[in-house]
Amino acid sequence: MWDKIVIIFNNWWSDPDTQMWLIQRPFRILITIIAAFIGQWVITLAIRKFATYQKEKPLHSFLPVLSPKEAEIADYEAKARNERKRGRIDTLASVARSTALIVIWAWAALEILRNLGVNVAPIIASAGVVGLAIGFGAQSLVKDFLAGIFMLMEDQYGVGAVSYTHLTLPTILLVEIS
């Protein structure tokens, strides 16, 4: 009886399909997940270092300072510009980080599905068609998102700026893209 069980187990274990499903595919999936985590770490570190470098890069003023009062005003304006620059860089870094992480994990998910034997070509084609339909359906959303990105890059508004409205003078406390 035990001899038959051992023979069946040996035949089952020596089957290439069994080894592929129990050893090769999990190993490839593990490698994909590790690569995604490493990619996430590298991209996050690179974006954080670039943002820190840009925040520490000084803004130069090309206006001549003639009096101590003008020097005080110029110093105050430089600090305000620097704070707006820091807020703008933080927001753009956050958007870049989120975009990169979505791309990395979408690749990892498709690669895992491919390793499990799922044909990902129809998924990618469907995603393209769905993306196109959503793009046409959400044109104003995409337009607003891009306008927000350019608003941040061109420094049209920023944290601490005063927005003139009909009855009040509210101060902008936070600028984010969500």
Foldseek 3Di string as FASTA:
>chain_A
DVVVVVVVVVVQVPDPVNCLVPPVLVVQLVVLVVVLVVQLVVLLVVLVVVLVVQLPDADDDPDDQDDPVSVVVVVVVRVVVSVQSNQLSVQVSVVSSVVSNVVSVVVSVLSSCVSVVHDCVVVVVVVVVVVVVVCVVPVVVVVVLVVLNVCSVVVVDGAQDWDDDDPDTDGHHHRHDD
